Amino acid sequence: MTKATGAGGADPSMLRRLNAELTLRTIREQGEPTRTELRTLTGLARTTLDESIKELNARGLIEQVEPLPSTAAGRPASRFRFRQGAGHVVGIGFDGARLVTALGDLRGTVLATDTQEVELDDAAPDLVTRVRDAVEACLTTAGVPRSSLRATSIGVPGVVSTDGRITRSWAVPSWHDLDLRTEAESVLQCPVFVENHARLAALGEHWQGVAQPCQDVVFLLTGLRLGVGVIVGGKLLRGRNGAAGEFGTIRDLHWGKPEDYMTELVELAGDKRPGHAAEQVFDAAAHGDQAASKFTTRFVRDLARGVRVIQHALDPEMIVLGGHLARSGDYLLNRLREEVNADVLFPATIELTRLGDDAITVGAIRRTLDYIDTLLLDQRWT
């Protein structure tokens, strides 16, 4: 245990907090450890551990559970577990076509979801109203009181400043300089965090998806626009203005108007749903359809041009492909690998998202839990 020291030696209050944090983290990781197991795992003295358990119990963060059946003589050992229902969090993802909301407990277990189709032309005026209604629907479905909601994170297309203001939004121009955080907090009555949706998708894939083993990850979100989320050393890369990863603004990459691809996809497939249209067109290309093959060749070439730049700029372990166009499956993935790997120094692993359309929302829950973790032993947690 590292002790906090100052001019007067160790700070007792800081030591108590560090010991409680260690005890709580161990209980969360181990499931239902006994007091003896906690002493062994934490290295804390009996009296110190007892103090930590008492504090965590008083805060409502842990609870004692029934001992496991035992044939040994004597009293069965007490066990403790983290109270994941001591509070709840919300993650919201907007990909330009759908608003997906999920309510989770303090372990991130999803208890209820709500999905709304959104027209971009209508998104700006009623976004906060939609967010409020979606959160209320999830709380009602799960039977969770509003007072249990501790925080919310929202993923949106565009550049988002550290204070939760959307400073640029190409998908919804009317969102320019929208203070979404303040407006959402006023209706949800809890802390709200706003982040770029591709960045949250990267966080979600790193937490629960195919990129879990990696510390340096790029998530490529192929939707109404091409978005990039970057994780370096296990942490999100935001940049000074929240614009890290905005490769789509580089004109030479031909990523500036991906909506043109969407228009062509819909026309080729005869299906207005982007994801379904992508599946149909790439499947047709795989079976030799000339019009579909011509489209996919051009799309993969333009996509690969940007991916090569990303690989040389960031040298990631893995690039994850998600969004509507990623639903085209292995055909797109294999073509992209061939196009990219032939012309980079150190090819990264390129994989399809494991989380699919839920990547943004999962990342939003993770972002919210990261905030909650800083509060559990803080005076603000009541």
Protein backbone atom coordinates (compact mmCIF):
# COMPACT_ATOMS: atom_id res chain seq x y z
CA MET A 1 0.00 0.00 0.00
CA THR A 2 1.44 3.37 -0.97
CA LYS A 3 1.03 5.89 1.81
CA ALA A 4 0.25 9.55 1.23
CA THR A 5 2.81 11.67 3.03
CA GLY A 6 3.36 15.33 3.60
CA ALA A 7 5.28 17.62 5.90
CA GLY A 8 3.56 16.09 8.89
CA GLY A 9 3.83 12.50 7.71
CA ALA A 10 0.98 10.30 6.54
CA ASP A 11 -2.46 11.88 6.10
CA PRO A 12 -4.88 9.62 8.05
CA SER A 13 -7.95 10.64 6.03
CA MET A 14 -6.15 9.94 2.75
CA LEU A 15 -4.96 6.57 4.04
CA ARG A 16 -8.51 5.64 5.05
CA ARG A 17 -9.76 6.55 1.59
CA LEU A 18 -7.01 4.57 -0.15
CA ASN A 19 -7.71 1.55 2.04
CA ALA A 20 -11.44 1.79 1.34
CA GLU A 21 -10.77 2.11 -2.40
CA LEU A 22 -8.56 -0.96 -2.32
CA THR A 23 -11.18 -2.93 -0.40
CA LEU A 24 -14.00 -1.87 -2.72
CA ARG A 25 -12.00 -2.63 -5.86
CA THR A 26 -11.11 -6.07 -4.52
CA ILE A 27 -14.73 -6.89 -3.69
CA ARG A 28 -15.87 -5.76 -7.14
CA GLU A 29 -13.24 -7.86 -8.87
CA GLN A 30 -13.60 -10.99 -6.74
CA GLY A 31 -17.37 -11.26 -6.59
CA GLU A 32 -18.16 -12.40 -3.04
CA PRO A 33 -14.92 -12.73 -1.06
CA THR A 34 -14.76 -13.61 2.62
CA ARG A 35 -13.14 -11.36 5.19
CA THR A 36 -10.14 -13.71 5.31
CA GLU A 37 -9.81 -13.64 1.53
CA LEU A 38 -9.98 -9.84 1.59
CA ARG A 39 -7.17 -9.65 4.12
CA THR A 40 -5.01 -11.90 1.95
CA LEU A 41 -5.80 -10.06 -1.29
CA THR A 42 -5.46 -6.52 0.06
CA GLY A 43 -2.69 -7.07 2.61
CA LEU A 44 -4.60 -4.88 5.09
CA ALA A 45 -4.51 -5.50 8.82
CA ARG A 46 -7.67 -6.87 10.42
CA THR A 47 -8.66 -3.60 12.13
CA THR A 48 -7.93 -1.56 9.00
CA LEU A 49 -10.00 -3.90 6.85
CA ASP A 50 -12.87 -3.80 9.37
CA GLU A 51 -12.86 0.01 9.21
CA SER A 52 -12.99 -0.06 5.43
CA ILE A 53 -15.83 -2.58 5.38
CA LYS A 54 -17.76 -0.47 7.90
CA GLU A 55 -17.36 2.68 5.79
CA LEU A 56 -18.32 0.96 2.53
CA ASN A 57 -21.37 -0.58 4.18
CA ALA A 58 -22.43 2.81 5.59
CA ARG A 59 -22.21 4.30 2.10
CA GLY A 60 -24.43 1.54 0.76
CA LEU A 61 -21.72 0.30 -1.62
CA ILE A 62 -21.36 -3.23 -0.27
CA GLU A 63 -23.54 -5.73 1.53
CA GLN A 64 -23.01 -8.88 3.53
CA VAL A 65 -24.36 -12.03 1.90
CA GLU A 66 -25.33 -15.44 3.20
CA PRO A 67 -22.31 -17.68 3.87
CA LEU A 68 -21.79 -20.60 1.54
CA PRO A 69 -22.80 -24.02 2.91
CA SER A 70 -19.88 -25.69 4.66
CA THR A 71 -19.25 -29.11 6.23
CA ALA A 72 -16.41 -27.74 8.35
CA ALA A 73 -16.86 -27.16 12.07
CA GLY A 74 -17.41 -23.63 13.30
CA ARG A 75 -19.27 -20.62 12.01
CA PRO A 76 -19.35 -20.16 8.19
CA ALA A 77 -17.29 -17.22 6.94
CA SER A 78 -19.07 -13.96 6.13
CA ARG A 79 -18.94 -12.84 2.51
CA PHE A 80 -19.30 -9.40 0.95
CA ARG A 81 -20.39 -8.17 -2.45
CA PHE A 82 -20.62 -4.89 -4.33
CA ARG A 83 -24.12 -3.37 -4.41
CA GLN A 84 -24.39 -2.80 -8.13
CA GLY A 85 -27.94 -1.54 -7.65
CA ALA A 86 -26.80 1.28 -5.34
CA GLY A 87 -27.21 3.63 -8.29
CA HIS A 88 -27.89 3.59 -12.01
CA VAL A 89 -26.39 5.15 -15.13
CA VAL A 90 -27.58 5.89 -18.65
CA GLY A 91 -25.72 5.67 -21.95
CA ILE A 92 -27.17 7.27 -25.09
CA GLY A 93 -25.87 6.89 -28.63
CA PHE A 94 -26.97 8.86 -31.68
CA ASP A 95 -25.56 7.64 -35.00
CA GLY A 96 -27.46 10.01 -37.27
CA ALA A 97 -30.40 7.67 -37.78
CA ARG A 98 -31.26 6.21 -34.38
CA LEU A 99 -31.22 7.36 -30.79
CA VAL A 100 -30.40 4.30 -28.65
CA THR A 101 -30.67 4.62 -24.86
CA ALA A 102 -29.63 2.05 -22.27
CA LEU A 103 -30.07 2.05 -18.49
CA GLY A 104 -27.46 0.12 -16.52
CA ASP A 105 -26.47 -0.61 -12.94
CA LEU A 106 -23.08 0.20 -11.41
CA ARG A 107 -21.48 -2.83 -13.05
CA GLY A 108 -22.74 -1.76 -16.45
CA THR A 109 -25.35 -4.52 -16.68
CA VAL A 110 -28.07 -3.23 -19.02
CA LEU A 111 -31.52 -3.30 -17.42
CA ALA A 112 -33.62 -1.56 -20.09
CA THR A 113 -33.22 -0.03 -23.56
CA ASP A 114 -35.13 2.36 -25.79
CA THR A 115 -34.62 2.89 -29.53
CA GLN A 116 -36.03 5.77 -31.56
CA GLU A 117 -35.72 6.44 -35.27
CA VAL A 118 -34.59 10.03 -35.83
CA GLU A 119 -34.85 12.19 -38.92
CA LEU A 120 -31.84 14.50 -39.13
CA ASP A 121 -33.99 17.45 -40.15
CA ASP A 122 -35.97 17.07 -36.94
CA ALA A 123 -33.12 16.14 -34.62
CA ALA A 124 -31.99 19.54 -33.36
CA PRO A 125 -35.22 21.09 -32.02
CA ASP A 126 -36.38 18.10 -30.02
CA LEU A 127 -33.13 16.26 -29.19
CA VAL A 128 -33.28 17.09 -25.48
CA THR A 129 -36.98 16.17 -25.35
CA ARG A 130 -36.24 12.84 -27.01
CA VAL A 131 -33.41 12.19 -24.56
CA ARG A 132 -35.69 12.93 -21.60
CA ASP A 133 -38.47 10.69 -22.92
CA ALA A 134 -36.05 7.84 -23.68
CA VAL A 135 -34.54 7.98 -20.19
CA GLU A 136 -37.99 8.05 -18.59
CA ALA A 137 -39.03 5.04 -20.67
CA CYS A 138 -35.98 3.06 -19.53
CA LEU A 139 -36.51 3.96 -15.87
CA THR A 140 -40.15 2.90 -16.09
CA THR A 141 -39.34 -0.37 -17.84
CA ALA A 142 -36.71 -1.30 -15.25
CA GLY A 143 -38.78 -0.09 -12.29
CA VAL A 144 -35.97 2.24 -11.21
CA PRO A 145 -36.81 5.55 -9.49
CA ARG A 146 -35.43 8.73 -11.02
CA SER A 147 -33.60 9.46 -7.76
CA SER A 148 -31.37 6.43 -8.44
CA LEU A 149 -30.04 7.94 -11.69
CA ARG A 150 -26.48 9.10 -10.98
CA ALA A 151 -25.20 10.28 -14.38
CA THR A 152 -25.72 10.09 -18.14
CA SER A 153 -23.42 10.17 -21.18
CA ILE A 154 -24.52 11.06 -24.70
CA GLY A 155 -22.66 10.28 -27.93
CA VAL A 156 -23.36 12.57 -30.89
CA PRO A 157 -21.79 13.19 -34.33
CA GLY A 158 -19.58 16.27 -34.38
CA VAL A 159 -16.81 17.96 -32.43
CA VAL A 160 -17.56 18.25 -28.71
CA SER A 161 -15.66 20.52 -26.32
CA THR A 162 -14.65 19.46 -22.82
CA ASP A 163 -17.63 21.33 -21.35
CA GLY A 164 -20.14 19.32 -23.40
CA ARG A 165 -20.82 21.90 -26.11
CA ILE A 166 -21.17 20.72 -29.72
CA THR A 167 -18.85 23.14 -31.51
CA ARG A 168 -19.11 21.54 -34.98
CA SER A 169 -21.69 19.19 -36.44
CA TRP A 170 -21.64 18.40 -40.12
CA ALA A 171 -24.45 15.86 -39.79
CA VAL A 172 -26.78 18.38 -38.12
CA PRO A 173 -25.59 21.95 -38.88
CA SER A 174 -28.22 23.47 -36.58
CA TRP A 175 -26.38 21.89 -33.64
CA HIS A 176 -23.47 24.30 -34.09
CA ASP A 177 -22.51 25.69 -30.67
CA LEU A 178 -25.30 23.72 -28.97
CA ASP A 179 -24.75 23.49 -25.20
CA LEU A 180 -26.20 20.00 -25.02
CA ARG A 181 -24.72 19.19 -21.62
CA THR A 182 -26.40 22.10 -19.85
CA GLU A 183 -29.74 21.55 -21.57
CA ALA A 184 -29.74 17.82 -20.87
CA GLU A 185 -28.76 18.32 -17.21
CA SER A 186 -31.68 20.71 -16.78
CA VAL A 187 -34.22 18.03 -17.72
CA LEU A 188 -32.48 14.90 -16.36
CA GLN A 189 -31.41 16.46 -13.05
CA CYS A 190 -28.09 14.58 -12.98
CA PRO A 191 -24.56 15.09 -14.33
CA VAL A 192 -24.43 14.67 -18.13
CA PHE A 193 -21.38 14.09 -20.31
CA VAL A 194 -21.40 14.67 -24.05
CA GLU A 195 -18.84 13.09 -26.36
CA ASN A 196 -18.25 12.40 -30.04
CA HIS A 197 -20.07 9.19 -31.00
CA ALA A 198 -17.10 7.54 -32.76
CA ARG A 199 -14.96 8.17 -29.70
CA LEU A 200 -17.53 6.48 -27.47
CA ALA A 201 -17.77 3.58 -29.92
CA ALA A 202 -14.01 3.11 -29.54
CA LEU A 203 -14.40 3.14 -25.76
CA GLY A 204 -17.19 0.58 -25.92
CA GLU A 205 -15.28 -1.76 -28.20
CA HIS A 206 -12.23 -1.49 -25.95
CA TRP A 207 -14.35 -2.31 -22.89
CA GLN A 208 -16.56 -5.14 -24.12
CA GLY A 209 -15.76 -5.75 -27.77
CA VAL A 210 -13.13 -7.20 -30.04
CA ALA A 211 -10.49 -4.65 -28.94
CA GLN A 212 -10.42 -5.65 -25.25
CA PRO A 213 -6.82 -6.96 -25.34
CA CYS A 214 -5.45 -3.82 -27.03
CA GLN A 215 -4.16 -0.55 -25.62
CA ASP A 216 -3.91 1.36 -28.92
CA VAL A 217 -7.14 1.18 -30.89
CA VAL A 218 -8.82 3.08 -33.72
CA PHE A 219 -12.57 2.74 -34.26
CA LEU A 220 -13.75 3.65 -37.75
CA LEU A 221 -17.46 4.49 -37.71
CA THR A 222 -18.92 4.23 -41.20
CA GLY A 223 -22.27 5.98 -41.05
CA LEU A 224 -23.83 9.07 -42.58
CA ARG A 225 -20.33 10.44 -42.10
CA LEU A 226 -17.04 8.67 -41.50
CA GLY A 227 -15.98 9.13 -37.89
CA VAL A 228 -12.82 8.04 -36.08
CA GLY A 229 -12.36 7.32 -32.38
CA VAL A 230 -8.83 6.83 -31.04
CA ILE A 231 -7.59 5.14 -27.87
CA VAL A 232 -3.90 5.50 -27.00
CA GLY A 233 -2.44 3.68 -24.03
CA GLY A 234 -5.92 2.61 -22.97
CA LYS A 235 -7.22 6.20 -22.84
CA LEU A 236 -9.38 8.21 -25.21
CA LEU A 237 -7.55 10.74 -27.35
CA ARG A 238 -9.53 13.98 -27.45
CA GLY A 239 -7.10 16.71 -28.51
CA ARG A 240 -7.04 20.34 -27.48
CA ASN A 241 -10.39 21.18 -29.10
CA GLY A 242 -12.00 17.75 -28.92
CA ALA A 243 -11.26 17.24 -32.62
CA ALA A 244 -8.75 14.37 -32.48
CA GLY A 245 -9.68 11.83 -35.13
CA GLU A 246 -11.51 14.21 -37.47
CA PHE A 247 -9.78 12.74 -40.53
CA GLY A 248 -12.95 13.21 -42.54
CA THR A 249 -12.22 16.92 -42.90
CA ILE A 250 -9.06 16.20 -44.95
CA ARG A 251 -10.25 16.72 -48.52
CA ASP A 252 -7.57 14.58 -50.14
CA LEU A 253 -8.91 11.50 -48.34
CA HIS A 254 -12.24 11.71 -50.20
CA TRP A 255 -14.03 11.24 -46.89
CA GLY A 256 -15.77 14.58 -47.00
CA LYS A 257 -19.17 13.46 -48.34
CA PRO A 258 -19.88 9.86 -47.35
CA GLU A 259 -23.56 10.67 -47.71
CA ASP A 260 -22.93 10.32 -51.45
CA TYR A 261 -22.08 6.69 -50.82
CA MET A 262 -25.26 6.26 -48.83
CA THR A 263 -27.34 7.74 -51.64
CA GLU A 264 -25.78 5.36 -54.14
CA LEU A 265 -26.19 2.40 -51.80
CA VAL A 266 -29.89 3.09 -51.37
CA GLU A 267 -30.36 3.41 -55.12
CA LEU A 268 -28.47 0.18 -55.88
CA ALA A 269 -30.26 -1.82 -53.19
CA GLY A 270 -33.67 -0.22 -53.42
CA ASP A 271 -33.68 -0.09 -49.62
CA LYS A 272 -33.64 3.18 -47.67
CA ARG A 273 -32.15 1.54 -44.56
CA PRO A 274 -28.37 2.15 -44.79
CA GLY A 275 -27.29 -0.99 -42.98
CA HIS A 276 -29.56 -3.29 -44.96
CA ALA A 277 -28.61 -1.57 -48.21
CA ALA A 278 -24.91 -2.13 -47.45
CA GLU A 279 -25.49 -5.82 -46.78
CA GLN A 280 -27.33 -6.24 -50.07
CA VAL A 281 -24.87 -4.31 -52.24
CA PHE A 282 -21.71 -5.93 -50.85
CA ASP A 283 -23.34 -9.36 -51.10
CA ALA A 284 -24.20 -8.65 -54.73
CA ALA A 285 -20.60 -7.57 -55.37
CA ALA A 286 -19.34 -10.79 -53.83
CA HIS A 287 -21.51 -12.69 -56.33
CA GLY A 288 -20.24 -10.77 -59.33
CA ASP A 289 -22.81 -8.01 -59.87
CA GLN A 290 -21.02 -5.40 -62.00
CA ALA A 291 -22.73 -2.27 -60.66
CA ALA A 292 -22.23 -3.41 -57.07
CA SER A 293 -18.61 -4.36 -57.76
CA LYS A 294 -17.89 -0.96 -59.26
CA PHE A 295 -19.35 0.75 -56.19
CA THR A 296 -17.50 -1.41 -53.65
CA THR A 297 -14.17 -1.03 -55.46
CA ARG A 298 -14.42 2.75 -55.31
CA PHE A 299 -15.61 2.75 -51.71
CA VAL A 300 -12.88 0.40 -50.48
CA ARG A 301 -10.22 2.40 -52.34
CA ASP A 302 -11.32 5.67 -50.69
CA LEU A 303 -11.71 4.04 -47.31
CA ALA A 304 -8.26 2.45 -47.52
CA ARG A 305 -6.66 5.78 -48.40
CA GLY A 306 -7.74 7.18 -45.06
CA VAL A 307 -6.93 4.02 -43.12
CA ARG A 308 -3.35 4.07 -44.42
CA VAL A 309 -2.96 7.64 -43.19
CA ILE A 310 -4.36 6.62 -39.79
CA GLN A 311 -1.99 3.66 -39.55
CA HIS A 312 1.10 5.73 -40.31
CA ALA A 313 -0.02 8.57 -38.03
CA LEU A 314 -1.04 6.48 -35.01
CA ASP A 315 0.53 3.02 -35.45
CA PRO A 316 -2.37 1.26 -33.62
CA GLU A 317 -2.59 -2.38 -32.63
CA MET A 318 -6.10 -2.72 -34.01
CA ILE A 319 -8.51 -0.89 -36.28
CA VAL A 320 -12.16 -1.75 -35.69
CA LEU A 321 -14.70 -1.22 -38.44
CA GLY A 322 -18.23 -0.33 -37.31
CA GLY A 323 -21.30 1.59 -38.38
CA HIS A 324 -23.87 1.01 -41.12
CA LEU A 325 -21.43 0.03 -43.85
CA ALA A 326 -19.63 -2.43 -41.58
CA ARG A 327 -22.75 -4.58 -41.63
CA SER A 328 -21.67 -5.65 -45.10
CA GLY A 329 -19.49 -8.22 -43.32
CA ASP A 330 -16.41 -10.16 -44.31
CA TYR A 331 -16.40 -9.14 -47.97
CA LEU A 332 -15.69 -5.51 -47.10
CA LEU A 333 -13.28 -6.52 -44.33
CA ASN A 334 -11.17 -8.76 -46.57
CA ARG A 335 -11.06 -6.23 -49.41
CA LEU A 336 -10.00 -3.49 -47.00
CA ARG A 337 -7.26 -5.65 -45.47
CA GLU A 338 -5.83 -6.40 -48.91
CA GLU A 339 -5.92 -2.75 -49.96
CA VAL A 340 -4.38 -1.39 -46.75
CA ASN A 341 -1.83 -4.02 -45.75
CA ALA A 342 -0.06 -3.93 -49.09
CA ASP A 343 1.11 -0.37 -48.47
CA VAL A 344 1.86 0.19 -44.76
CA LEU A 345 5.00 -0.39 -42.72
CA PHE A 346 3.43 -2.20 -39.77
CA PRO A 347 -0.09 -3.42 -40.58
CA ALA A 348 -2.55 -3.27 -37.71
CA THR A 349 -5.12 -5.97 -37.16
CA ILE A 350 -8.36 -4.90 -38.88
CA GLU A 351 -11.55 -6.39 -37.45
CA LEU A 352 -15.30 -5.89 -37.59
CA THR A 353 -17.01 -4.58 -34.47
CA ARG A 354 -18.24 -7.20 -32.06
CA LEU A 355 -20.81 -4.83 -30.56
CA GLY A 356 -22.45 -3.87 -33.85
CA ASP A 357 -24.91 -1.01 -33.68
CA ASP A 358 -24.66 -0.90 -29.87
CA ALA A 359 -21.00 0.20 -29.75
CA ILE A 360 -21.80 3.88 -29.14
CA THR A 361 -24.26 3.18 -26.34
CA VAL A 362 -21.95 0.67 -24.64
CA GLY A 363 -19.17 3.26 -24.76
CA ALA A 364 -21.51 5.87 -23.30
CA ILE A 365 -22.24 3.58 -20.34
CA ARG A 366 -18.50 3.02 -19.83
CA ARG A 367 -17.87 6.78 -19.89
CA THR A 368 -20.55 7.27 -17.26
CA LEU A 369 -19.16 4.49 -15.06
CA ASP A 370 -15.69 6.07 -15.26
CA TYR A 371 -17.20 9.18 -13.72
CA ILE A 372 -19.08 7.19 -11.09
CA ASP A 373 -15.88 5.43 -10.06
CA THR A 374 -14.43 8.80 -9.02
CA LEU A 375 -17.44 9.46 -6.78
CA LEU A 376 -17.93 6.25 -4.85
CA LEU A 377 -15.77 7.32 -1.92
CA ASP A 378 -16.35 11.05 -2.35
CA GLN A 379 -18.52 13.26 -0.15
CA ARG A 380 -20.76 13.85 -3.19
CA TRP A 381 -21.89 10.19 -3.05
CA THR A 382 -24.90 10.01 -0.73
